[in-house]
Amino acid sequence: MHASAVRFFFLAIALICANSVFAQEKKKILLKSANELEFNKPVNPDVQILRGNVVFQHEESLMYCDSAYLYIHTNAMDAFGNVHVKVSDTTQIYGEKLHYDGNKKTAVMEKDVQLIDNKIILRTNKLTYDIGKGVGYYLDGAVIEDPSNTLVSKHGYYYAGSKEFFFRHDVVVTGNNFKLTSDSLMYNTITEQVNFYGNTHIISDSTHIFCNSGWYNTKTDRTLLTDRARMINGSSVLEGDTLYYDRRVGEGTATRNVVFRDTLESIMLRSGLGIFHQADSSILATDSAVFITWDASDSLYLHGDTLFSRKDTLLGREVKVFHHVRFFRADMQGVCDSLYYCESDSLMRMYVDPCLWSDSTQMTADYMQFLTDKGHILELFMRNNAFIASHYSDNDYQQVKGDMMKGYFVNNELNLMKVFGSTETIYFIEDENGGKTGINKSKSTALDMHFEEKEVTAIDMNGSPIGTIYPHRELSSEQRKLSGFLWRGLVRPLNPEDVFRNDSSTGNNQNSGRGRGGQFEQNKTAPE
């Protein structure tokens, strides 16, 4: 090897060794000051004992205490009494006992520990903090405070770089009029957002929220909950696969498999999308929405494209349903374009080609309403083009039409129907053996129809009635129908699931009628 090359080689080695020594010296724990220093090299050459105003430095960190042991060869120390570690200008750790490993840059602080990072204070009895990585953790419980919230948990990790805490086991967050408990969560002290995982319960004013995952921003009071969330406000419960809630405006949105129920009112609403308002306990539901109410005897299933329900202090519970309305109850079924129900007057109002069925009887008019009480139908009112038809046999129907009708029910069965204005009837007559003897076609200004066991037992006509009884075989099929007759049995809901059927057309005879109950006027809805 050339001499100059040899000199260069040894110079490089020397520089590397010098840098290595310098680097090692830089990592050593340095004693800055102490009132007393005790060192017995022959007895214990590795330990220096320090007392009074002790100050150490390790890289950028300063450590203060009343007394300490400095382990020279292992680059470690134990500190006692009023221990203070100044990690940086923003991060400070306080306690009564500290073990610090200078090689690993880890500090284990014990007894009355406080970690302060800007406005964050962590209190615990034992904290392990990696100064190099800016990560601390505790395993025996801690309380964390910032200007807005207080957090408690059994286990926790703090990441100084991102200003985030990760908590596990018995986690409790308390803030401005809310309390959150969870199995585990992440809290960002900058955004003040809580991300939770596992069984979580949020209490906010009178609202309780339960979920398994999601987030809650304590600054904005907004939360997004997933994995089947549930919100309870008084007797109202809202559930959905996903639930978004804005506490300040008291509004929540639930999506997928939405269920809203009121335990006091025995009502339930199911849909694919629901918007909830806390102030009036209201919900606007779409996407296969169905409103269900029940009593001791039966349940009513009510469906429409859009369903709105709220609880008014004066009117009580209101229900509004818009477009493609269909409902089913064992003793009554119906269709219309829009529907309105108000608890204060117990009236169910049906708009735009409404149609009701009860047993074999079909009732139609331009407008219909019926009065209910605890699940029982008491009265029925039909206005304009009121029409009642009941299947008799084959293609024959008992029929009554008039300007208006008013029906009275006993035990949910029609007992009396009063018909007013331009009354017309077609009634099939039988002898005492059930033989078909004739067809009665008549007109009058008013009439009363009496029912027993769902059958017409008597008809009382008023106002100079005019009528003709025809032999049964004398009238053609067309003559056996009053003008305006339309049997709509094919659009009749047959069971609770059938309320979701959406028929697109309507016909003009008994074998058609696969529609929404007539030509709907799409812009007409229930009154406000």
Protein backbone atom coordinates (compact mmCIF):
# COMPACT_ATOMS: atom_id res chain seq x y z
CA MET A 1 0.00 0.00 0.00
CA HIS A 2 1.32 3.45 -0.81
CA ALA A 3 2.38 5.56 2.18
CA SER A 4 -0.08 8.33 1.47
CA ALA A 5 -2.88 5.79 1.20
CA VAL A 6 -1.83 4.30 4.54
CA ARG A 7 -1.91 7.70 6.18
CA PHE A 8 -5.38 8.39 4.72
CA PHE A 9 -6.68 5.03 5.99
CA PHE A 10 -5.51 5.63 9.55
CA LEU A 11 -6.82 9.21 9.46
CA ALA A 12 -10.26 7.92 8.45
CA ILE A 13 -10.21 5.35 11.24
CA ALA A 14 -9.23 8.03 13.71
CA LEU A 15 -12.05 10.32 12.61
CA ILE A 16 -14.59 7.49 12.85
CA CYS A 17 -13.44 6.61 16.35
CA ALA A 18 -13.46 10.24 17.39
CA ASN A 19 -17.02 10.67 16.11
CA SER A 20 -18.08 7.47 17.84
CA VAL A 21 -16.63 8.62 21.14
CA PHE A 22 -18.22 12.04 20.68
CA ALA A 23 -21.56 10.43 19.90
CA GLN A 24 -21.31 8.22 22.97
CA GLU A 25 -20.33 11.18 25.14
CA LYS A 26 -23.32 13.10 23.82
CA LYS A 27 -25.65 10.33 25.04
CA LYS A 28 -24.20 10.28 28.55
CA ILE A 29 -26.26 11.64 31.44
CA LEU A 30 -24.46 14.76 32.55
CA LEU A 31 -24.48 16.09 36.10
CA LYS A 32 -25.06 19.85 35.95
CA SER A 33 -25.16 20.67 39.67
CA ALA A 34 -25.68 19.33 43.20
CA ASN A 35 -25.05 20.58 46.74
CA GLU A 36 -23.29 17.34 47.71
CA LEU A 37 -21.58 14.59 45.75
CA GLU A 38 -20.49 11.33 47.35
CA PHE A 39 -18.32 8.87 45.39
CA ASN A 40 -16.38 5.90 46.83
CA LYS A 41 -14.56 4.47 43.84
CA PRO A 42 -12.90 1.52 45.66
CA VAL A 43 -16.22 0.39 47.20
CA ASN A 44 -18.63 1.16 44.35
CA PRO A 45 -16.94 2.66 41.29
CA ASP A 46 -20.19 2.82 39.29
CA VAL A 47 -22.36 4.94 41.63
CA GLN A 48 -22.33 8.62 42.44
CA ILE A 49 -24.61 9.79 45.25
CA LEU A 50 -25.96 13.34 44.90
CA ARG A 51 -27.95 15.49 47.31
CA GLY A 52 -29.55 18.94 47.26
CA ASN A 53 -30.71 20.85 44.15
CA VAL A 54 -29.61 18.08 41.85
CA VAL A 55 -29.76 18.84 38.11
CA PHE A 56 -28.98 16.45 35.25
CA GLN A 57 -29.01 16.90 31.52
CA HIS A 58 -29.45 14.27 28.87
CA GLU A 59 -29.38 15.61 25.35
CA GLU A 60 -32.23 18.18 25.23
CA SER A 61 -33.88 17.10 28.49
CA LEU A 62 -33.25 18.46 31.98
CA MET A 63 -33.98 16.56 35.20
CA TYR A 64 -34.33 18.05 38.68
CA CYS A 65 -34.64 16.31 42.07
CA ASP A 66 -33.69 16.43 45.78
CA SER A 67 -31.35 13.42 45.61
CA ALA A 68 -30.18 10.81 43.15
CA TYR A 69 -28.00 7.86 42.30
CA LEU A 70 -26.06 8.20 39.03
CA TYR A 71 -24.89 4.93 37.53
CA ILE A 72 -21.89 5.91 35.45
CA HIS A 73 -21.20 2.76 33.52
CA THR A 74 -24.83 1.85 32.72
CA ASN A 75 -25.75 5.47 31.89
CA ALA A 76 -28.78 5.40 34.18
CA MET A 77 -30.02 7.16 37.28
CA ASP A 78 -32.55 6.99 40.12
CA ALA A 79 -33.97 10.28 41.37
CA PHE A 80 -35.96 11.00 44.55
CA GLY A 81 -38.04 13.85 45.91
CA ASN A 82 -39.65 16.66 43.88
CA VAL A 83 -38.57 15.07 40.65
CA HIS A 84 -39.08 17.17 37.54
CA VAL A 85 -38.22 16.15 33.97
CA LYS A 86 -38.28 18.94 31.42
CA VAL A 87 -38.62 17.00 28.20
CA SER A 88 -39.15 20.12 26.07
CA ASP A 89 -40.54 23.62 26.38
CA THR A 90 -44.07 22.20 26.21
CA THR A 91 -43.72 18.79 27.92
CA GLN A 92 -42.98 18.42 31.64
CA ILE A 93 -43.16 15.37 33.93
CA TYR A 94 -43.39 15.57 37.75
CA GLY A 95 -43.29 12.91 40.46
CA GLU A 96 -41.54 11.66 43.59
CA LYS A 97 -39.41 8.84 42.15
CA LEU A 98 -37.73 8.40 38.77
CA HIS A 99 -35.66 5.73 37.08
CA TYR A 100 -34.10 6.94 33.85
CA ASP A 101 -32.22 4.84 31.30
CA GLY A 102 -30.02 7.12 29.21
CA ASN A 103 -29.28 4.48 26.59
CA LYS A 104 -32.97 3.74 25.93
CA LYS A 105 -34.09 7.31 26.77
CA THR A 106 -36.95 5.93 28.87
CA ALA A 107 -38.19 7.47 32.11
CA VAL A 108 -40.26 5.59 34.69
CA MET A 109 -41.88 8.11 37.04
CA GLU A 110 -43.75 6.99 40.18
CA LYS A 111 -45.92 8.47 42.93
CA ASP A 112 -48.11 11.55 42.37
CA VAL A 113 -47.09 11.67 38.73
CA GLN A 114 -48.10 14.55 36.50
CA LEU A 115 -47.38 14.86 32.81
CA ILE A 116 -48.09 18.36 31.49
CA ASP A 117 -48.10 19.02 27.74
CA ASN A 118 -49.27 22.56 27.00
CA LYS A 119 -52.76 22.63 28.61
CA ILE A 120 -53.02 18.86 29.05
CA ILE A 121 -52.46 17.33 32.48
CA LEU A 122 -52.12 13.58 33.03
CA ARG A 123 -52.23 12.34 36.64
CA THR A 124 -51.28 8.79 37.63
CA ASN A 125 -49.15 6.84 40.11
CA LYS A 126 -46.75 5.34 37.56
CA LEU A 127 -45.87 6.54 34.08
CA THR A 128 -43.38 5.15 31.59
CA TYR A 129 -42.26 7.75 29.04
CA ASP A 130 -40.03 7.22 26.02
CA ILE A 131 -38.39 10.63 25.54
CA GLY A 132 -36.88 9.64 22.22
CA LYS A 133 -40.20 8.61 20.68
CA GLY A 134 -42.40 10.98 22.65
CA VAL A 135 -44.65 8.13 23.82
CA GLY A 136 -45.86 7.49 27.37
CA TYR A 137 -48.06 4.85 28.92
CA TYR A 138 -49.63 3.83 32.22
CA LEU A 139 -51.17 0.56 33.39
CA ASP A 140 -52.63 1.41 36.80
CA GLY A 141 -55.22 4.10 36.03
CA ALA A 142 -54.96 7.79 35.25
CA VAL A 143 -56.91 11.02 34.96
CA ILE A 144 -56.32 13.30 31.98
CA GLU A 145 -57.58 16.87 31.94
CA ASP A 146 -57.66 19.54 29.27
CA PRO A 147 -59.60 22.83 29.32
CA SER A 148 -62.74 21.14 27.99
CA ASN A 149 -62.76 17.50 29.09
CA THR A 150 -61.70 15.05 31.75
CA LEU A 151 -60.79 11.46 30.84
CA VAL A 152 -60.29 8.47 33.13
CA SER A 153 -59.08 4.99 32.20
CA LYS A 154 -57.18 2.01 33.59
CA HIS A 155 -54.66 1.73 30.75
CA GLY A 156 -53.50 4.49 28.43
CA TYR A 157 -50.91 5.61 25.90
CA TYR A 158 -49.92 9.18 25.03
CA TYR A 159 -48.34 10.17 21.71
CA ALA A 160 -46.81 13.63 22.11
CA GLY A 161 -46.15 14.16 18.40
CA SER A 162 -49.78 13.78 17.35
CA LYS A 163 -51.21 14.93 20.71
CA GLU A 164 -53.30 11.77 20.94
CA PHE A 165 -54.28 9.51 23.82
CA PHE A 166 -55.31 5.90 23.44
CA PHE A 167 -57.32 4.55 26.39
CA ARG A 168 -58.41 1.06 27.31
CA HIS A 169 -60.57 -0.50 30.03
CA ASP A 170 -63.13 1.44 32.10
CA VAL A 171 -62.79 4.61 30.02
CA VAL A 172 -64.86 7.62 31.13
CA VAL A 173 -64.91 11.01 29.37
CA THR A 174 -66.68 13.96 31.03
CA GLY A 175 -67.18 17.30 29.27
CA ASN A 176 -69.65 20.10 28.76
CA ASN A 177 -72.97 18.49 29.76
CA PHE A 178 -72.00 15.07 28.48
CA LYS A 179 -70.48 11.85 29.77
CA LEU A 180 -69.01 9.06 27.66
CA THR A 181 -68.03 5.57 28.80
CA SER A 182 -66.30 3.06 26.53
CA ASP A 183 -64.14 -0.06 26.40
CA SER A 184 -61.44 1.79 24.47
CA LEU A 185 -61.03 5.07 22.65
CA MET A 186 -58.59 7.50 20.99
CA TYR A 187 -58.66 11.17 21.97
CA ASN A 188 -56.99 13.96 19.99
CA THR A 189 -56.29 16.93 22.25
CA ILE A 190 -56.00 19.35 19.31
CA THR A 191 -59.27 18.52 17.56
CA GLU A 192 -60.88 17.37 20.85
CA GLN A 193 -62.37 14.46 18.94
CA VAL A 194 -62.99 11.08 20.57
CA ASN A 195 -62.81 7.94 18.43
CA PHE A 196 -64.25 4.97 20.30
CA TYR A 197 -64.10 1.22 19.79
CA GLY A 198 -66.20 -1.37 21.57
CA ASN A 199 -69.21 -0.94 23.84
CA THR A 200 -69.80 2.83 24.20
CA HIS A 201 -72.44 4.87 26.05
CA ILE A 202 -72.84 8.65 25.65
CA ILE A 203 -75.09 10.65 28.00
CA SER A 204 -75.91 14.15 26.76
CA ASP A 205 -78.58 16.10 28.62
CA SER A 206 -81.60 13.77 28.45
CA THR A 207 -80.26 11.78 25.47
CA HIS A 208 -78.54 8.40 25.80
CA ILE A 209 -76.52 6.99 22.88
CA PHE A 210 -75.22 3.42 22.63
CA CYS A 211 -72.90 2.07 19.92
CA ASN A 212 -69.83 -0.07 19.24
CA SER A 213 -67.70 2.27 17.14
CA GLY A 214 -67.62 5.84 15.86
CA TRP A 215 -66.47 9.30 16.87
CA TYR A 216 -67.64 12.26 18.94
CA ASN A 217 -66.25 15.78 18.53
CA THR A 218 -66.44 17.49 21.91
CA LYS A 219 -65.90 20.92 20.29
CA THR A 220 -68.77 20.75 17.81
CA ASP A 221 -71.00 18.31 19.75
CA ARG A 222 -71.33 16.15 16.63
CA THR A 223 -71.03 12.39 16.55
CA LEU A 224 -71.00 9.63 13.94
CA LEU A 225 -71.86 6.16 15.22
CA THR A 226 -71.56 2.86 13.38
CA ASP A 227 -72.07 -0.84 14.00
CA ARG A 228 -75.74 -0.65 15.08
CA ALA A 229 -76.17 2.59 17.05
CA ARG A 230 -79.08 3.43 19.34
CA MET A 231 -80.24 6.83 20.64
CA ILE A 232 -82.78 7.16 23.48
CA ASN A 233 -84.54 10.43 24.33
CA GLY A 234 -87.24 9.99 26.94
CA SER A 235 -89.63 7.34 25.65
CA SER A 236 -88.33 7.67 22.06
CA VAL A 237 -85.70 5.29 20.69
CA LEU A 238 -83.89 5.63 17.34
CA GLU A 239 -81.70 2.83 15.98
CA GLY A 240 -79.72 2.36 12.77
CA ASP A 241 -76.64 0.69 11.39
CA THR A 242 -75.15 4.21 11.16
CA LEU A 243 -76.27 7.23 13.17
CA TYR A 244 -75.12 10.86 12.82
CA TYR A 245 -76.16 13.25 15.60
CA ASP A 246 -75.68 17.00 16.05
CA ARG A 247 -76.33 17.73 19.70
CA ARG A 248 -76.45 21.53 19.34
CA VAL A 249 -79.35 21.48 16.87
CA GLY A 250 -80.79 18.26 18.33
CA GLU A 251 -80.91 16.50 14.97
CA GLY A 252 -79.87 12.97 14.07
CA THR A 253 -79.76 10.96 10.85
CA ALA A 254 -79.96 7.16 10.86
CA THR A 255 -79.28 4.98 7.84
CA ARG A 256 -79.90 1.31 7.03
CA ASN A 257 -82.23 -0.85 9.11
CA VAL A 258 -83.63 2.21 10.90
CA VAL A 259 -86.06 1.63 13.77
CA PHE A 260 -87.83 4.44 15.66
CA ARG A 261 -90.19 3.60 18.49
CA ASP A 262 -91.98 5.29 21.35
CA THR A 263 -92.45 2.92 24.27
CA LEU A 264 -95.23 4.98 25.84
CA GLU A 265 -97.33 5.32 22.69
CA SER A 266 -96.91 1.76 21.38
CA ILE A 267 -95.68 2.97 17.99
CA MET A 268 -92.78 1.92 15.79
CA LEU A 269 -91.35 3.17 12.51
CA ARG A 270 -88.98 1.19 10.28
CA SER A 271 -87.14 2.51 7.21
CA GLY A 272 -83.84 2.67 5.34
CA LEU A 273 -83.31 6.36 6.20
CA GLY A 274 -84.59 8.42 9.13
CA ILE A 275 -84.01 12.04 10.23
CA PHE A 276 -84.74 12.67 13.91
CA HIS A 277 -85.41 15.99 15.69
CA GLN A 278 -85.12 15.97 19.45
CA ALA A 279 -87.24 19.07 20.14
CA ASP A 280 -90.53 17.53 18.97
CA SER A 281 -89.48 13.87 18.93
CA SER A 282 -90.10 13.86 15.19
CA ILE A 283 -88.75 11.64 12.46
CA LEU A 284 -88.84 11.90 8.68
CA ALA A 285 -88.43 8.45 7.13
CA THR A 286 -87.98 7.24 3.57
CA ASP A 287 -86.76 4.08 1.81
CA SER A 288 -89.31 1.34 2.62
CA ALA A 289 -90.73 3.30 5.54
CA VAL A 290 -93.51 1.65 7.57
CA PHE A 291 -95.31 3.04 10.62
CA ILE A 292 -96.62 0.44 13.07
CA THR A 293 -98.99 1.00 15.96
CA TRP A 294 -100.62 -1.66 18.08
CA ASP A 295 -103.11 -2.31 20.84
CA ALA A 296 -104.20 -5.37 22.76
CA SER A 297 -106.13 -6.80 19.79
CA ASP A 298 -104.22 -5.95 16.61
CA SER A 299 -101.50 -3.93 14.83
CA LEU A 300 -101.70 -1.34 12.04
CA TYR A 301 -98.97 -1.28 9.35
CA LEU A 302 -98.81 1.99 7.41
CA HIS A 303 -96.45 2.60 4.45
CA GLY A 304 -95.71 5.43 2.04
CA ASP A 305 -92.81 6.87 0.04
CA THR A 306 -92.21 9.45 2.75
CA LEU A 307 -93.40 9.22 6.33
CA PHE A 308 -93.25 12.00 8.93
CA SER A 309 -94.19 11.72 12.59
CA ARG A 310 -93.83 14.17 15.44
CA LYS A 311 -95.11 14.82 18.94
CA ASP A 312 -96.78 18.24 19.34
CA THR A 313 -97.55 19.66 22.80
CA LEU A 314 -101.09 20.62 21.72
CA LEU A 315 -101.92 18.11 18.99
CA GLY A 316 -100.14 15.10 20.45
CA ARG A 317 -98.70 12.58 18.00
CA GLU A 318 -99.02 13.54 14.31
CA VAL A 319 -98.38 11.21 11.38
CA LYS A 320 -98.14 12.36 7.75
CA VAL A 321 -97.60 9.93 4.88
CA PHE A 322 -97.03 11.02 1.29
CA HIS A 323 -97.47 9.05 -1.96
CA HIS A 324 -98.20 5.37 -2.54
CA VAL A 325 -99.86 5.09 0.86
CA ARG A 326 -100.94 1.58 1.85
CA PHE A 327 -101.97 0.23 5.25
CA PHE A 328 -102.98 -3.10 6.66
CA ARG A 329 -104.86 -4.13 9.75
CA ALA A 330 -106.60 -7.46 10.11
CA ASP A 331 -110.05 -5.83 10.17
CA MET A 332 -109.37 -2.95 7.75
CA GLN A 333 -107.05 -2.18 4.82
CA GLY A 334 -106.62 0.93 2.71
CA VAL A 335 -104.77 2.81 -0.04
CA CYS A 336 -104.53 6.48 -1.01
CA ASP A 337 -101.99 9.06 -2.16
CA SER A 338 -101.48 10.85 1.17
CA LEU A 339 -102.66 10.45 4.74
CA TYR A 340 -102.71 12.50 7.93
CA TYR A 341 -103.37 11.37 11.51
CA CYS A 342 -103.65 13.59 14.58
CA GLU A 343 -103.83 12.23 18.09
CA SER A 344 -105.78 15.22 19.46
CA ASP A 345 -108.89 14.44 17.38
CA SER A 346 -108.06 10.76 16.68
CA LEU A 347 -108.92 11.23 13.00
CA MET A 348 -107.20 9.40 10.16
CA ARG A 349 -107.59 11.52 7.00
CA MET A 350 -107.10 10.03 3.51
CA TYR A 351 -106.53 12.16 0.40
CA VAL A 352 -106.62 11.52 -3.38
CA ASP A 353 -108.52 8.38 -4.46
CA PRO A 354 -108.76 6.82 -1.00
CA CYS A 355 -110.08 3.29 -0.71
CA LEU A 356 -110.95 1.25 2.38
CA TRP A 357 -111.74 -2.44 2.70
CA SER A 358 -113.43 -4.16 5.59
CA ASP A 359 -114.15 -7.83 5.12
CA SER A 360 -115.95 -8.04 1.71
CA THR A 361 -116.88 -4.33 1.65
CA GLN A 362 -115.01 -1.69 -0.36
CA MET A 363 -115.47 2.04 0.37
CA THR A 364 -114.23 4.88 -1.87
CA ALA A 365 -114.65 8.65 -2.14
CA ASP A 366 -112.69 11.77 -3.06
CA TYR A 367 -111.92 12.29 0.63
CA MET A 368 -112.25 9.94 3.60
CA GLN A 369 -111.59 10.08 7.31
CA PHE A 370 -112.27 7.74 10.18
CA LEU A 371 -112.31 8.27 13.91
CA THR A 372 -110.36 5.88 16.13
CA ASP A 373 -110.06 5.30 19.85
CA LYS A 374 -107.44 2.96 21.36
CA GLY A 375 -107.28 0.92 18.18
CA HIS A 376 -111.05 0.81 17.68
CA ILE A 377 -112.76 2.43 14.67
CA LEU A 378 -115.72 4.51 15.82
CA GLU A 379 -116.87 6.58 12.83
CA LEU A 380 -116.21 6.87 9.10
CA PHE A 381 -116.86 9.93 6.93
CA MET A 382 -116.72 9.97 3.10
CA ARG A 383 -117.16 13.13 1.01
CA ASN A 384 -117.79 13.57 -2.72
CA ASN A 385 -118.43 10.53 -4.93
CA ALA A 386 -118.85 8.31 -1.90
CA PHE A 387 -119.26 4.71 -2.97
CA ILE A 388 -119.73 1.41 -1.12
CA ALA A 389 -119.48 -1.92 -2.90
CA SER A 390 -119.65 -5.40 -1.49
CA HIS A 391 -119.01 -8.56 -3.47
CA TYR A 392 -122.20 -10.58 -3.83
CA SER A 393 -121.42 -13.43 -6.22
CA ASP A 394 -119.58 -13.93 -9.47
CA ASN A 395 -119.42 -10.50 -11.11
CA ASP A 396 -122.20 -8.99 -9.01
CA TYR A 397 -121.78 -6.40 -6.25
CA GLN A 398 -124.09 -4.75 -3.78
CA GLN A 399 -123.64 -1.01 -4.35
CA VAL A 400 -124.52 2.30 -2.73
CA LYS A 401 -123.39 5.75 -3.84
CA GLY A 402 -124.06 9.29 -2.70
CA ASP A 403 -122.54 12.70 -2.19
CA MET A 404 -121.57 11.95 1.40
CA MET A 405 -121.63 9.01 3.79
CA LYS A 406 -121.17 8.65 7.50
CA GLY A 407 -120.66 5.26 9.10
CA TYR A 408 -120.81 4.13 12.73
CA PHE A 409 -118.93 1.12 14.09
CA VAL A 410 -119.44 -1.21 17.02
CA ASN A 411 -116.53 -3.43 18.05
CA ASN A 412 -114.71 -2.44 14.83
CA GLU A 413 -117.64 -3.65 12.69
CA LEU A 414 -119.83 -1.36 10.60
CA ASN A 415 -123.21 -1.01 12.31
CA LEU A 416 -124.91 1.89 10.51
CA MET A 417 -124.15 3.83 7.32
CA LYS A 418 -126.00 7.09 6.60
CA VAL A 419 -125.91 8.24 2.97
CA PHE A 420 -126.73 11.82 1.88
CA GLY A 421 -127.35 13.50 -1.48
CA SER A 422 -128.16 11.91 -4.86
CA THR A 423 -128.29 8.45 -3.36
CA GLU A 424 -128.32 5.42 -5.67
CA THR A 425 -128.36 1.73 -4.86
CA ILE A 426 -128.15 -1.63 -6.52
CA TYR A 427 -129.17 -4.39 -4.20
CA PHE A 428 -129.59 -8.10 -4.98
CA ILE A 429 -132.65 -9.73 -3.47
CA GLU A 430 -132.88 -13.32 -2.27
CA ASP A 431 -135.78 -15.39 -1.08
CA GLU A 432 -135.78 -17.08 2.28
CA ASN A 433 -133.98 -20.08 0.81
CA GLY A 434 -131.18 -17.98 -0.66
CA GLY A 435 -132.49 -18.08 -4.19
CA LYS A 436 -131.72 -15.04 -6.38
CA THR A 437 -135.07 -13.41 -7.09
CA GLY A 438 -134.35 -9.87 -8.28
CA ILE A 439 -132.26 -6.73 -8.46
CA ASN A 440 -133.37 -3.54 -6.74
CA LYS A 441 -132.21 -0.31 -8.39
CA SER A 442 -133.34 2.83 -6.59
CA LYS A 443 -132.66 6.53 -6.04
CA SER A 444 -133.37 8.84 -3.10
CA THR A 445 -132.04 11.91 -1.34
CA ALA A 446 -130.82 9.95 1.69
CA LEU A 447 -130.82 6.48 3.17
CA ASP A 448 -129.74 4.48 6.19
CA MET A 449 -128.08 1.08 5.88
CA HIS A 450 -128.14 -1.23 8.88
CA PHE A 451 -125.57 -4.00 9.35
CA GLU A 452 -125.37 -7.12 11.50
CA GLU A 453 -122.45 -9.55 11.42
CA LYS A 454 -121.02 -7.68 8.41
CA GLU A 455 -124.20 -8.14 6.36
CA VAL A 456 -126.81 -5.54 5.33
CA THR A 457 -130.00 -6.30 7.23
CA ALA A 458 -132.13 -3.27 6.30
CA ILE A 459 -132.16 -0.19 4.08
CA ASP A 460 -134.30 2.82 4.98
CA MET A 461 -134.74 5.31 2.12
CA ASN A 462 -135.78 8.92 2.68
CA GLY A 463 -136.90 11.79 0.46
CA SER A 464 -139.38 10.30 -2.05
CA PRO A 465 -137.36 7.28 -3.16
CA ILE A 466 -137.75 5.96 -6.70
CA GLY A 467 -136.92 2.35 -7.36
CA THR A 468 -137.47 -0.63 -9.61
CA ILE A 469 -137.05 -4.32 -8.93
CA TYR A 470 -135.84 -6.22 -11.97
CA PRO A 471 -135.83 -9.96 -12.46
CA HIS A 472 -132.42 -11.33 -11.68
CA ARG A 473 -131.61 -12.37 -15.24
CA GLU A 474 -133.08 -9.31 -16.96
CA LEU A 475 -130.22 -6.83 -16.41
CA SER A 476 -126.96 -7.05 -18.35
CA SER A 477 -123.57 -6.92 -16.62
CA GLU A 478 -123.20 -3.21 -17.40
CA GLN A 479 -126.68 -2.42 -16.05
CA ARG A 480 -125.75 -4.11 -12.76
CA LYS A 481 -123.14 -1.41 -12.09
CA LEU A 482 -123.72 2.13 -10.94
CA SER A 483 -121.78 4.85 -12.77
CA GLY A 484 -118.40 5.31 -11.20
CA PHE A 485 -118.15 1.70 -10.02
CA LEU A 486 -114.58 0.38 -9.85
CA TRP A 487 -113.70 -2.73 -7.93
CA ARG A 488 -110.12 -2.31 -6.75
CA GLY A 489 -109.54 -5.56 -4.96
CA LEU A 490 -106.24 -6.23 -6.74
CA VAL A 491 -104.57 -3.24 -5.04
CA ARG A 492 -105.85 -4.27 -1.61
CA PRO A 493 -103.04 -5.00 0.91
CA LEU A 494 -103.30 -8.65 1.90
CA ASN A 495 -100.83 -8.80 4.81
CA PRO A 496 -98.31 -6.56 6.63
CA GLU A 497 -95.57 -7.21 4.02
CA ASP A 498 -97.95 -6.36 1.19
CA VAL A 499 -98.03 -2.69 2.17
CA PHE A 500 -94.70 -2.34 0.33
CA ARG A 501 -96.20 -3.41 -3.01
CA ASN A 502 -96.06 -0.56 -5.52
CA ASP A 503 -98.55 -1.03 -8.35
CA SER A 504 -98.05 1.22 -11.37
CA SER A 505 -101.37 1.14 -13.28
CA THR A 506 -105.11 0.93 -12.71
CA GLY A 507 -107.95 -0.67 -14.63
CA ASN A 508 -111.67 -0.19 -15.01
CA ASN A 509 -113.22 -3.52 -14.07
CA GLN A 510 -113.17 -6.13 -11.37
CA ASN A 511 -110.31 -8.04 -12.97
CA SER A 512 -108.02 -5.04 -13.06
CA GLY A 513 -107.17 -2.34 -10.59
CA ARG A 514 -103.47 -3.10 -10.25
CA GLY A 515 -102.73 0.50 -9.34
CA ARG A 516 -102.27 2.85 -6.49
CA GLY A 517 -106.00 3.21 -6.04
CA GLY A 518 -106.85 5.41 -9.01
CA GLN A 519 -105.12 8.21 -10.92
CA PHE A 520 -103.25 10.01 -8.18
CA GLU A 521 -102.84 13.77 -8.09
CA GLN A 522 -99.18 13.85 -7.07
CA ASN A 523 -99.18 17.39 -5.71
CA LYS A 524 -102.02 16.92 -3.25
CA THR A 525 -100.92 16.10 0.26
CA ALA A 526 -102.26 16.14 3.76
CA PRO A 527 -102.84 19.59 5.26
CA GLU A 528 -100.32 21.06 7.63
